[in-house]
Amino acid sequence: MELFNNLIYGFSVALSLQNLIYCFIGVFLGTLIGVLPGIGPLATIAMLLPITFNVPPVSALIMLAGIYYGAQYGGSTTAILVNLPGETSAVVTCIDGHQMARQGRAGPALAIAAIGSFFAGTVTTMIIAMFGPPIAEMALKFGAPEYFSLMLLGLVMAAVLAHGDMVKALAMVAMGLMLGIVGTDVNSGMARYSFGFSELTDGIGFVVIAVGVFAVGEIVSNLGETEVHRLMTSKVTHLFPTKEDLKQSIGPIMRGTVLGSFFGVLPGTGPAIASFSSYMVEKKMARDPSRFGKGAIEGVAGPESANNADAQCKFIPTLTLGIPASAVMALMLGALTIQGIAPGPQVMTSKPDLFWGLIASMWIGNAMLVVLNLPLVGMWVQLLKIPYRWLFPSIIMFCAVGNYSINNSAMDLYLVGIMGILGYILVKLECPPAPLILGFVLGPLMEENLRRALLISRGDPTVFFTRPISLAFMIASAAILFTMIMPSIRKRKIEAYEGGGGGGP
């Protein structure tokens, strides 16, 4: 009954005119950047963070969330129609989705992708509503040792599950931690690693890191790649799937939702690995596996459900524990911090309008996406005609203006440029940048809880191993590191990410 009352309260918040407008803006932008290859939700949310200063917290989070799960919808449209995935998670959809389009069945493929995504989004939103409060209530009992151990576990998982070499990912976590401690020491008040620049005594801004590494770095990297233009020669007809299509898709949609929900709560994984896992499950369970790769509708239904379920379940650890499960969720926590809201389990009790309004907005946003994606297919495909080199100057200008407007500081622009160069170098060295932002966000929190735990224990480090919950997190971190060092496990991980299109968090 309490859950029902909370959801009613959430809908009363989400259905306000202001929040409906921001929800629509979010899902529209999400679909747009999902269609356009090379931008992605991470770079878009990073660019839009400065705007959230002047937007109410609930509206800002609703918009940013809409961009994230909306991008999963948009990526499937061009993957099916022109074999050009706008999102890494849509790479798997290309395999059978585009084959269906070539056979004149683009309409059913798009419809099943939308239906699967809507179903997964609806189910996972209910999961968040049901399991969010109990997890947050449990987290309120955590002390400093438990929080430190939990954050350590999150960073370890982010490193070992990230795309690419694990050693590089761990190095990115360390770099993020080092960038996070730049500024003034909380206990002593002394400046650390500011190198004599007064602008750095308050630390490096979260927006500076996010925009520089993800937005600017990604844009510069994309400019070095050859542009490919592939357009549909025929119109999309017969949009509604047949009864046989629906019958074949029900099982994959449900299994994809379960798989996506599982991967969604794991820190460090991205929708790409969830969609690839779903595709492999459907192929192994099929009576005739040879159909896959030749236009099997199950190869669209399962992965599309999985990537949307994964995207939305990422909000569970983010909202209940204050631990970002991916780089995008780290940006969400950054948006909360910008608004002066301390992320963690207390958000649910101190800001119920934020938590329940966001959950209700996910249902509304998923419904908007179904309406947006199917009738506007032609418009989305026409956007692919715009050369990327025409888009990037306006994007760079938007990044510069947004960052300067935060503190009116030219130093921030210099730092964005430096971080942009760093982001470009990381891409070229095949170092996953996502663990860096997770380390940057969690670094100051980890340091604070480490110091608090040691103060309480009077400098005794065994406090992390004498408390049962903290000990469990420590053992889990060590076990995950040990497991991923094993050659067979590492090989299987690399094969999974290569098959899933190289998607990372």
Protein backbone atom coordinates (compact mmCIF):
# COMPACT_ATOMS: atom_id res chain seq x y z
CA MET A 1 0.00 0.00 0.00
CA GLU A 2 2.87 2.34 0.83
CA LEU A 3 4.43 1.62 -2.57
CA PHE A 4 1.14 2.49 -4.27
CA ASN A 5 0.89 5.78 -2.36
CA ASN A 6 4.49 6.65 -3.19
CA LEU A 7 3.89 6.00 -6.90
CA ILE A 8 0.80 8.23 -6.85
CA TYR A 9 2.92 10.95 -5.25
CA GLY A 10 5.59 10.39 -7.89
CA PHE A 11 3.10 10.78 -10.74
CA SER A 12 1.76 13.97 -9.17
CA VAL A 13 5.32 15.34 -9.36
CA ALA A 14 6.18 13.98 -12.82
CA LEU A 15 2.88 15.08 -14.41
CA SER A 16 3.43 18.77 -13.64
CA LEU A 17 3.71 20.81 -16.83
CA GLN A 18 7.33 21.77 -16.18
CA ASN A 19 8.49 18.20 -15.56
CA LEU A 20 6.55 16.88 -18.56
CA ILE A 21 8.32 19.42 -20.78
CA TYR A 22 11.76 18.46 -19.42
CA CYS A 23 10.92 14.76 -19.76
CA PHE A 24 9.98 15.32 -23.42
CA ILE A 25 13.15 17.35 -24.03
CA GLY A 26 15.21 14.55 -22.48
CA VAL A 27 13.72 11.66 -24.47
CA PHE A 28 13.73 13.72 -27.69
CA LEU A 29 17.41 14.62 -27.27
CA GLY A 30 18.15 11.02 -26.25
CA THR A 31 16.55 9.68 -29.42
CA LEU A 32 18.37 12.29 -31.50
CA ILE A 33 21.83 11.49 -30.13
CA GLY A 34 21.04 7.78 -30.28
CA VAL A 35 20.40 8.16 -34.00
CA LEU A 36 23.52 10.24 -34.68
CA PRO A 37 26.64 8.04 -34.49
CA GLY A 38 29.62 9.23 -32.48
CA ILE A 39 27.96 11.50 -29.90
CA GLY A 40 26.30 9.21 -27.35
CA PRO A 41 24.52 9.90 -24.04
CA LEU A 42 27.75 10.29 -22.08
CA ALA A 43 29.03 13.23 -24.12
CA THR A 44 25.56 14.80 -24.35
CA ILE A 45 24.87 14.66 -20.62
CA ALA A 46 28.37 16.03 -19.95
CA MET A 47 27.65 18.98 -22.27
CA LEU A 48 24.27 19.67 -20.66
CA LEU A 49 25.50 19.60 -17.03
CA PRO A 50 26.10 23.39 -16.91
CA ILE A 51 22.44 23.98 -17.83
CA THR A 52 21.28 22.09 -14.73
CA PHE A 53 22.50 24.97 -12.53
CA ASN A 54 19.41 26.97 -13.46
CA VAL A 55 16.94 24.06 -13.55
CA PRO A 56 15.11 22.63 -10.51
CA PRO A 57 16.73 19.38 -9.28
CA VAL A 58 13.76 17.12 -10.13
CA SER A 59 13.39 18.54 -13.63
CA ALA A 60 17.15 18.34 -14.28
CA LEU A 61 17.39 14.68 -13.27
CA ILE A 62 14.25 13.77 -15.24
CA MET A 63 15.74 15.36 -18.36
CA LEU A 64 19.16 13.72 -17.97
CA ALA A 65 17.58 10.32 -17.30
CA GLY A 66 15.42 10.73 -20.41
CA ILE A 67 18.54 11.36 -22.48
CA TYR A 68 20.15 8.17 -21.17
CA TYR A 69 17.38 5.64 -21.75
CA GLY A 70 16.13 7.54 -24.82
CA ALA A 71 19.49 6.97 -26.51
CA GLN A 72 18.92 3.21 -26.27
CA TYR A 73 15.74 3.63 -28.36
CA GLY A 74 17.30 5.92 -30.94
CA GLY A 75 20.31 3.69 -31.54
CA SER A 76 18.11 0.86 -32.83
CA THR A 77 16.46 2.99 -35.54
CA THR A 78 19.55 3.56 -37.68
CA ALA A 79 20.94 0.14 -36.78
CA ILE A 80 17.89 -1.45 -38.41
CA LEU A 81 17.44 0.94 -41.33
CA VAL A 82 20.97 1.73 -42.46
CA ASN A 83 23.15 -0.77 -40.56
CA LEU A 84 24.77 2.13 -38.70
CA PRO A 85 24.39 1.85 -34.90
CA GLY A 86 24.03 5.21 -33.19
CA GLU A 87 24.82 3.60 -29.83
CA THR A 88 27.31 0.82 -29.01
CA SER A 89 24.49 -1.25 -27.52
CA ALA A 90 22.73 -1.18 -30.92
CA VAL A 91 25.62 -2.95 -32.68
CA VAL A 92 24.01 -6.33 -31.97
CA THR A 93 20.69 -5.09 -33.37
CA CYS A 94 22.40 -4.49 -36.73
CA ILE A 95 23.00 -8.22 -37.20
CA ASP A 96 19.38 -9.27 -37.70
CA GLY A 97 17.58 -5.91 -37.70
CA HIS A 98 19.20 -4.69 -40.90
CA GLN A 99 18.67 -8.06 -42.57
CA MET A 100 14.96 -7.72 -41.81
CA ALA A 101 15.02 -4.22 -43.35
CA ARG A 102 16.66 -5.58 -46.51
CA GLN A 103 13.88 -8.16 -46.72
CA GLY A 104 11.26 -5.40 -46.60
CA ARG A 105 10.44 -6.01 -42.92
CA ALA A 106 11.92 -2.86 -41.40
CA GLY A 107 8.51 -1.92 -39.96
CA PRO A 108 8.07 -5.05 -37.79
CA ALA A 109 11.73 -4.82 -36.69
CA LEU A 110 11.29 -1.21 -35.54
CA ALA A 111 7.97 -2.01 -33.86
CA ILE A 112 9.36 -5.00 -31.97
CA ALA A 113 12.38 -2.95 -30.90
CA ALA A 114 10.04 -0.27 -29.52
CA ILE A 115 7.70 -2.82 -27.86
CA GLY A 116 10.63 -4.68 -26.27
CA SER A 117 12.22 -1.47 -25.00
CA PHE A 118 8.89 -0.24 -23.61
CA PHE A 119 8.21 -3.53 -21.82
CA ALA A 120 11.72 -3.65 -20.36
CA GLY A 121 11.52 -0.01 -19.28
CA THR A 122 8.15 -0.58 -17.58
CA VAL A 123 9.29 -3.70 -15.71
CA THR A 124 12.63 -2.27 -14.58
CA THR A 125 10.98 0.93 -13.37
CA MET A 126 8.75 -1.22 -11.14
CA ILE A 127 11.87 -3.08 -9.94
CA ILE A 128 13.44 0.25 -8.93
CA ALA A 129 10.25 1.26 -7.11
CA MET A 130 10.00 -2.08 -5.25
CA PHE A 131 13.63 -2.69 -4.30
CA GLY A 132 14.91 0.87 -4.01
CA PRO A 133 13.45 1.67 -0.56
CA PRO A 134 14.58 -1.59 1.16
CA ILE A 135 18.14 -1.19 -0.21
CA ALA A 136 18.27 2.45 0.90
CA GLU A 137 16.93 1.50 4.36
CA MET A 138 19.67 -1.11 4.69
CA ALA A 139 22.30 1.37 3.48
CA LEU A 140 21.32 3.85 6.22
CA LYS A 141 22.79 1.36 8.72
CA PHE A 142 26.19 1.47 7.02
CA GLY A 143 29.07 3.12 8.81
CA ALA A 144 32.25 4.65 7.39
CA PRO A 145 34.06 1.25 7.01
CA GLU A 146 31.12 -0.24 5.10
CA TYR A 147 30.89 2.73 2.75
CA PHE A 148 34.62 2.69 2.03
CA SER A 149 34.57 -1.06 1.33
CA LEU A 150 31.48 -0.73 -0.87
CA MET A 151 33.05 2.07 -2.91
CA LEU A 152 36.26 0.05 -3.26
CA LEU A 153 34.18 -2.88 -4.55
CA GLY A 154 32.43 -0.57 -7.03
CA LEU A 155 35.73 0.73 -8.41
CA VAL A 156 37.21 -2.77 -8.68
CA MET A 157 34.14 -4.01 -10.58
CA ALA A 158 34.20 -0.93 -12.82
CA ALA A 159 37.83 -1.67 -13.69
CA VAL A 160 37.58 -5.41 -14.28
CA LEU A 161 34.31 -5.22 -16.23
CA ALA A 162 35.30 -2.23 -18.36
CA HIS A 163 36.07 -2.72 -22.04
CA GLY A 164 39.72 -3.33 -22.80
CA ASP A 165 42.76 -4.28 -20.74
CA MET A 166 42.14 -4.58 -17.00
CA VAL A 167 45.51 -3.03 -16.08
CA LYS A 168 44.67 0.06 -18.17
CA ALA A 169 41.25 0.26 -16.51
CA LEU A 170 42.82 0.07 -13.03
CA ALA A 171 45.25 2.81 -14.08
CA MET A 172 42.29 4.97 -15.12
CA VAL A 173 40.69 4.43 -11.71
CA ALA A 174 43.95 5.52 -10.04
CA MET A 175 44.14 8.60 -12.28
CA GLY A 176 40.56 9.51 -11.37
CA LEU A 177 41.34 9.14 -7.66
CA MET A 178 44.38 11.44 -8.01
CA LEU A 179 42.39 14.09 -9.88
CA GLY A 180 39.71 13.86 -7.20
CA ILE A 181 42.06 14.80 -4.34
CA VAL A 182 43.26 18.02 -6.00
CA GLY A 183 42.14 20.98 -3.87
CA THR A 184 41.99 21.76 -0.16
CA ASP A 185 42.45 19.05 2.44
CA VAL A 186 39.24 18.71 4.44
CA ASN A 187 40.97 18.09 7.78
CA SER A 188 43.99 20.40 7.67
CA GLY A 189 42.74 23.08 5.27
CA MET A 190 46.02 22.93 3.32
CA ALA A 191 46.05 23.14 -0.47
CA ARG A 192 47.00 19.88 -2.22
CA TYR A 193 48.35 19.56 -5.76
CA SER A 194 47.19 23.06 -6.70
CA PHE A 195 50.68 24.00 -8.05
CA GLY A 196 50.26 27.58 -6.88
CA PHE A 197 47.04 28.20 -8.88
CA SER A 198 44.38 29.70 -6.64
CA GLU A 199 41.69 28.43 -9.02
CA LEU A 200 42.64 24.85 -8.14
CA THR A 201 42.29 25.25 -4.36
CA ASP A 202 38.62 24.31 -4.66
CA GLY A 203 39.53 21.29 -6.76
CA ILE A 204 38.96 20.52 -10.43
CA GLY A 205 35.32 20.96 -11.34
CA PHE A 206 33.30 17.83 -12.09
CA VAL A 207 31.86 19.45 -15.22
CA VAL A 208 35.36 20.30 -16.45
CA ILE A 209 36.45 16.65 -16.27
CA ALA A 210 33.20 15.32 -17.77
CA VAL A 211 33.06 17.75 -20.70
CA GLY A 212 36.80 17.63 -21.41
CA VAL A 213 37.39 13.88 -21.32
CA PHE A 214 34.06 12.68 -22.72
CA ALA A 215 32.62 15.44 -24.89
CA VAL A 216 35.68 17.21 -26.34
CA GLY A 217 37.90 14.11 -26.39
CA GLU A 218 35.22 12.01 -28.10
CA ILE A 219 34.45 14.70 -30.68
CA VAL A 220 38.12 15.16 -31.65
CA SER A 221 38.51 11.40 -31.91
CA ASN A 222 35.45 11.07 -34.16
CA LEU A 223 36.74 13.79 -36.49
CA GLY A 224 39.68 11.58 -37.33
CA GLU A 225 37.44 8.79 -38.58
CA THR A 226 36.06 8.42 -42.11
CA GLU A 227 32.41 9.41 -42.43
CA VAL A 228 30.08 6.79 -43.86
CA HIS A 229 26.71 7.66 -45.36
CA ARG A 230 24.23 4.90 -46.00
CA LEU A 231 20.62 5.77 -46.64
CA MET A 232 17.47 3.72 -47.09
CA THR A 233 16.31 3.53 -50.65
CA SER A 234 12.80 2.40 -49.82
CA LYS A 235 10.14 3.65 -47.42
CA VAL A 236 9.18 1.83 -44.25
CA THR A 237 5.85 0.06 -44.71
CA HIS A 238 3.77 -2.49 -42.75
CA LEU A 239 4.82 -1.12 -39.37
CA PHE A 240 2.81 -3.53 -37.21
CA PRO A 241 4.27 -7.00 -36.57
CA THR A 242 2.27 -10.13 -37.36
CA LYS A 243 0.91 -12.56 -34.74
CA GLU A 244 3.79 -14.89 -35.55
CA ASP A 245 6.28 -12.07 -34.99
CA LEU A 246 4.75 -11.31 -31.61
CA LYS A 247 4.72 -14.99 -30.66
CA GLN A 248 8.41 -15.34 -31.50
CA SER A 249 9.30 -12.13 -29.64
CA ILE A 250 7.51 -12.60 -26.29
CA GLY A 251 10.08 -15.03 -24.85
CA PRO A 252 13.16 -13.05 -25.99
CA ILE A 253 11.68 -9.81 -24.65
CA MET A 254 11.13 -11.35 -21.20
CA ARG A 255 14.53 -13.05 -21.10
CA GLY A 256 16.24 -9.89 -22.35
CA THR A 257 14.55 -7.87 -19.60
CA VAL A 258 15.80 -10.29 -16.92
CA LEU A 259 19.36 -10.32 -18.32
CA GLY A 260 19.45 -6.53 -18.69
CA SER A 261 18.21 -6.07 -15.12
CA PHE A 262 20.96 -8.36 -13.82
CA PHE A 263 23.75 -6.58 -15.70
CA GLY A 264 22.23 -3.19 -14.88
CA VAL A 265 22.98 -3.37 -11.16
CA LEU A 266 26.61 -4.43 -11.74
CA PRO A 267 29.02 -1.48 -11.61
CA GLY A 268 31.15 -1.05 -14.69
CA THR A 269 29.04 -2.92 -17.24
CA GLY A 270 27.28 -1.17 -20.10
CA PRO A 271 24.16 -1.89 -22.18
CA ALA A 272 26.36 -3.37 -24.94
CA ILE A 273 27.37 -6.41 -22.89
CA ALA A 274 23.74 -6.95 -21.82
CA SER A 275 22.46 -6.85 -25.42
CA PHE A 276 25.23 -9.18 -26.64
CA SER A 277 24.53 -11.67 -23.81
CA SER A 278 20.85 -11.64 -24.71
CA TYR A 279 21.66 -12.30 -28.37
CA MET A 280 23.86 -15.29 -27.47
CA VAL A 281 21.17 -16.72 -25.17
CA GLU A 282 18.50 -16.46 -27.89
CA LYS A 283 20.80 -18.04 -30.46
CA LYS A 284 21.57 -20.99 -28.17
CA MET A 285 17.90 -21.50 -27.26
CA ALA A 286 16.61 -21.27 -30.85
CA ARG A 287 15.39 -24.43 -32.58
CA ASP A 288 17.13 -23.26 -35.74
CA PRO A 289 20.20 -21.14 -34.85
CA SER A 290 21.06 -20.77 -38.55
CA ARG A 291 18.22 -18.20 -38.84
CA PHE A 292 20.26 -15.73 -36.78
CA GLY A 293 22.17 -13.29 -38.91
CA LYS A 294 19.59 -13.68 -41.66
CA GLY A 295 16.71 -11.68 -40.20
CA ALA A 296 15.57 -13.50 -37.03
CA ILE A 297 13.21 -11.21 -35.14
CA GLU A 298 14.37 -12.73 -31.83
CA GLY A 299 17.78 -11.17 -32.54
CA VAL A 300 16.10 -7.75 -32.34
CA ALA A 301 13.59 -8.36 -29.53
CA GLY A 302 16.03 -9.77 -26.94
CA PRO A 303 18.95 -7.34 -27.26
CA GLU A 304 16.73 -4.25 -27.46
CA SER A 305 14.90 -5.29 -24.28
CA ALA A 306 18.20 -6.07 -22.55
CA ASN A 307 19.92 -2.75 -23.30
CA ASN A 308 16.93 -0.71 -22.10
CA ALA A 309 16.56 -2.79 -18.92
CA ASP A 310 20.28 -2.37 -18.25
CA ALA A 311 20.14 1.40 -18.73
CA GLN A 312 17.30 1.88 -16.25
CA CYS A 313 18.51 -0.60 -13.61
CA LYS A 314 21.72 1.44 -13.41
CA PHE A 315 19.63 3.85 -11.29
CA ILE A 316 19.23 1.32 -8.45
CA PRO A 317 22.74 1.54 -6.91
CA THR A 318 23.01 5.19 -7.96
CA LEU A 319 19.86 6.39 -6.20
CA THR A 320 19.88 4.03 -3.21
CA LEU A 321 23.56 3.80 -2.30
CA GLY A 322 25.04 6.86 -3.97
CA ILE A 323 27.40 4.53 -5.87
CA PRO A 324 27.42 5.18 -9.65
CA ALA A 325 27.10 1.95 -11.65
CA SER A 326 28.46 3.55 -14.83
CA ALA A 327 30.06 6.73 -16.13
CA VAL A 328 26.64 8.13 -17.06
CA MET A 329 25.42 7.50 -13.51
CA ALA A 330 28.50 9.33 -12.23
CA LEU A 331 27.34 12.33 -14.26
CA MET A 332 23.89 11.96 -12.66
CA LEU A 333 25.48 12.12 -9.22
CA GLY A 334 27.43 15.14 -10.43
CA ALA A 335 24.14 16.81 -11.36
CA LEU A 336 22.82 16.16 -7.84
CA THR A 337 26.00 17.55 -6.29
CA ILE A 338 25.74 20.66 -8.47
CA GLN A 339 22.27 21.18 -7.00
CA GLY A 340 23.65 20.90 -3.46
CA ILE A 341 22.10 17.46 -2.84
CA ALA A 342 24.35 14.87 -1.16
CA PRO A 343 23.86 11.58 -3.03
CA GLY A 344 23.09 8.47 -0.99
CA PRO A 345 20.25 6.59 0.72
CA GLN A 346 19.12 9.72 2.58
CA VAL A 347 17.93 11.22 -0.73
CA MET A 348 14.87 8.98 -0.60
CA THR A 349 13.74 10.39 2.74
CA SER A 350 14.98 13.97 2.44
CA LYS A 351 13.96 14.41 -1.23
CA PRO A 352 11.04 12.03 -1.87
CA ASP A 353 9.83 14.21 -4.75
CA LEU A 354 13.17 13.64 -6.50
CA PHE A 355 13.19 9.85 -6.10
CA TRP A 356 9.54 9.06 -6.79
CA GLY A 357 9.15 11.81 -9.39
CA LEU A 358 12.09 10.35 -11.34
CA ILE A 359 10.62 6.82 -11.18
CA ALA A 360 7.20 8.00 -12.39
CA SER A 361 8.84 10.02 -15.16
CA MET A 362 10.45 6.83 -16.51
CA TRP A 363 7.03 5.35 -17.28
CA ILE A 364 5.95 8.60 -18.91
CA GLY A 365 9.23 8.87 -20.83
CA ASN A 366 9.03 5.31 -22.15
CA ALA A 367 5.50 5.98 -23.42
CA MET A 368 6.71 9.19 -25.10
CA LEU A 369 9.53 7.25 -26.77
CA VAL A 370 7.17 4.76 -28.40
CA VAL A 371 5.15 7.66 -29.84
CA LEU A 372 8.31 9.52 -30.91
CA ASN A 373 10.24 6.69 -32.50
CA LEU A 374 7.78 5.02 -34.82
CA PRO A 375 6.04 7.97 -36.60
CA LEU A 376 9.25 10.00 -36.94
CA VAL A 377 11.43 7.26 -38.46
CA GLY A 378 11.83 9.16 -41.74
CA MET A 379 12.98 12.33 -39.98
CA TRP A 380 15.58 10.48 -37.88
CA VAL A 381 17.10 8.84 -40.94
CA GLN A 382 17.32 12.18 -42.79
CA LEU A 383 19.47 13.52 -39.93
CA LEU A 384 22.19 11.11 -41.00
CA LYS A 385 22.75 13.29 -44.07
CA ILE A 386 24.29 16.00 -41.87
CA PRO A 387 28.12 15.65 -42.03
CA TYR A 388 29.68 15.27 -38.60
CA ARG A 389 32.25 17.97 -39.38
CA TRP A 390 29.36 20.48 -39.54
CA LEU A 391 28.07 19.48 -36.11
CA PHE A 392 31.27 19.60 -34.08
CA PRO A 393 31.93 23.42 -34.11
CA SER A 394 28.55 24.15 -32.54
CA ILE A 395 29.06 21.35 -30.00
CA ILE A 396 32.51 22.67 -29.00
CA MET A 397 31.10 26.21 -28.68
CA PHE A 398 28.27 24.94 -26.50
CA CYS A 399 30.80 23.15 -24.25
CA ALA A 400 32.94 26.30 -23.92
CA VAL A 401 30.04 28.65 -23.14
CA GLY A 402 28.52 26.20 -20.67
CA ASN A 403 31.75 25.71 -18.74
CA TYR A 404 32.62 29.41 -18.63
CA SER A 405 29.14 30.30 -17.37
CA ILE A 406 29.56 28.18 -14.21
CA ASN A 407 32.33 30.17 -12.51
CA ASN A 408 33.07 32.85 -15.12
CA SER A 409 36.62 31.53 -15.04
CA ALA A 410 38.97 31.33 -18.02
CA MET A 411 40.93 28.70 -16.07
CA ASP A 412 38.01 26.29 -16.50
CA LEU A 413 38.27 26.63 -20.29
CA TYR A 414 42.01 25.91 -20.20
CA LEU A 415 41.34 22.85 -18.05
CA VAL A 416 38.63 21.65 -20.45
CA GLY A 417 41.14 21.92 -23.29
CA ILE A 418 43.75 19.97 -21.31
CA MET A 419 41.18 17.31 -20.37
CA GLY A 420 40.05 17.16 -24.01
CA ILE A 421 43.62 16.40 -25.09
CA LEU A 422 43.82 13.79 -22.31
CA GLY A 423 40.54 12.24 -23.48
CA TYR A 424 41.82 12.03 -27.06
CA ILE A 425 45.07 10.40 -25.91
CA LEU A 426 43.12 7.86 -23.84
CA VAL A 427 41.02 6.93 -26.87
CA LYS A 428 44.14 6.45 -29.01
CA LEU A 429 45.83 4.36 -26.28
CA GLU A 430 42.62 2.30 -25.94
CA CYS A 431 42.33 3.22 -22.26
CA PRO A 432 38.68 3.17 -21.10
CA PRO A 433 37.86 6.67 -19.77
CA ALA A 434 34.75 5.59 -17.85
CA PRO A 435 36.67 4.23 -14.81
CA LEU A 436 38.44 7.60 -14.62
CA ILE A 437 35.21 9.52 -13.99
CA LEU A 438 34.05 6.89 -11.48
CA GLY A 439 37.34 7.24 -9.61
CA PHE A 440 37.06 11.04 -9.72
CA VAL A 441 33.52 10.98 -8.27
CA LEU A 442 34.15 8.35 -5.62
CA GLY A 443 37.70 9.47 -4.68
CA PRO A 444 36.79 12.30 -2.26
CA LEU A 445 33.98 10.19 -0.74
CA MET A 446 36.34 7.22 -0.26
CA GLU A 447 38.97 9.45 1.36
CA GLU A 448 36.38 10.96 3.70
CA ASN A 449 35.07 7.56 4.81
CA LEU A 450 38.58 6.11 5.09
CA ARG A 451 39.67 8.92 7.40
CA ARG A 452 36.45 8.74 9.41
CA ALA A 453 36.79 4.98 9.87
CA LEU A 454 40.42 5.30 10.99
CA LEU A 455 39.56 8.12 13.40
CA ILE A 456 36.81 6.00 14.97
CA SER A 457 39.14 3.00 15.27
CA ARG A 458 42.06 5.20 16.46
CA GLY A 459 44.18 4.31 13.45
CA ASP A 460 43.50 0.56 13.49
CA PRO A 461 43.13 -0.62 9.85
CA THR A 462 41.61 -3.94 10.94
CA VAL A 463 38.29 -2.09 11.38
CA PHE A 464 37.59 -2.89 7.71
CA PHE A 465 37.95 -6.63 8.38
CA THR A 466 36.32 -6.99 11.79
CA ARG A 467 32.89 -5.70 10.72
CA PRO A 468 30.91 -8.39 8.82
CA ILE A 469 29.49 -6.26 5.98
CA SER A 470 32.76 -4.45 5.36
CA LEU A 471 34.63 -7.77 5.42
CA ALA A 472 32.20 -9.23 2.86
CA PHE A 473 32.82 -6.29 0.50
CA MET A 474 36.60 -6.62 0.93
CA ILE A 475 36.53 -10.37 0.21
CA ALA A 476 34.33 -9.76 -2.85
CA SER A 477 36.80 -7.14 -4.19
CA ALA A 478 39.76 -9.50 -3.74
CA ALA A 479 37.85 -12.44 -5.28
CA ILE A 480 36.85 -10.41 -8.35
CA LEU A 481 40.42 -9.22 -8.92
CA PHE A 482 41.79 -12.75 -8.49
CA THR A 483 39.17 -14.22 -10.84
CA MET A 484 39.81 -11.68 -13.60
CA ILE A 485 43.56 -12.34 -13.47
CA MET A 486 42.93 -15.93 -14.61
CA PRO A 487 43.76 -16.19 -18.35
CA SER A 488 40.62 -18.12 -19.33
CA ILE A 489 38.31 -15.59 -17.69
CA ARG A 490 40.16 -12.63 -19.25
CA LYS A 491 39.97 -14.26 -22.69
CA ARG A 492 36.22 -14.85 -22.32
CA LYS A 493 35.70 -11.23 -21.24
CA ILE A 494 37.59 -9.89 -24.28
CA GLU A 495 35.60 -12.15 -26.63
CA ALA A 496 32.32 -10.97 -25.08
CA TYR A 497 33.13 -7.27 -25.53
CA GLU A 498 34.44 -7.72 -29.04
CA GLY A 499 31.28 -9.58 -29.96
CA GLY A 500 29.15 -6.88 -28.33
CA GLY A 501 30.72 -4.09 -30.34
CA GLY A 502 33.32 -3.03 -27.84
CA GLY A 503 30.82 -1.23 -25.63
CA GLY A 504 31.94 -0.12 -22.30
CA PRO A 505 30.11 1.68 -19.48
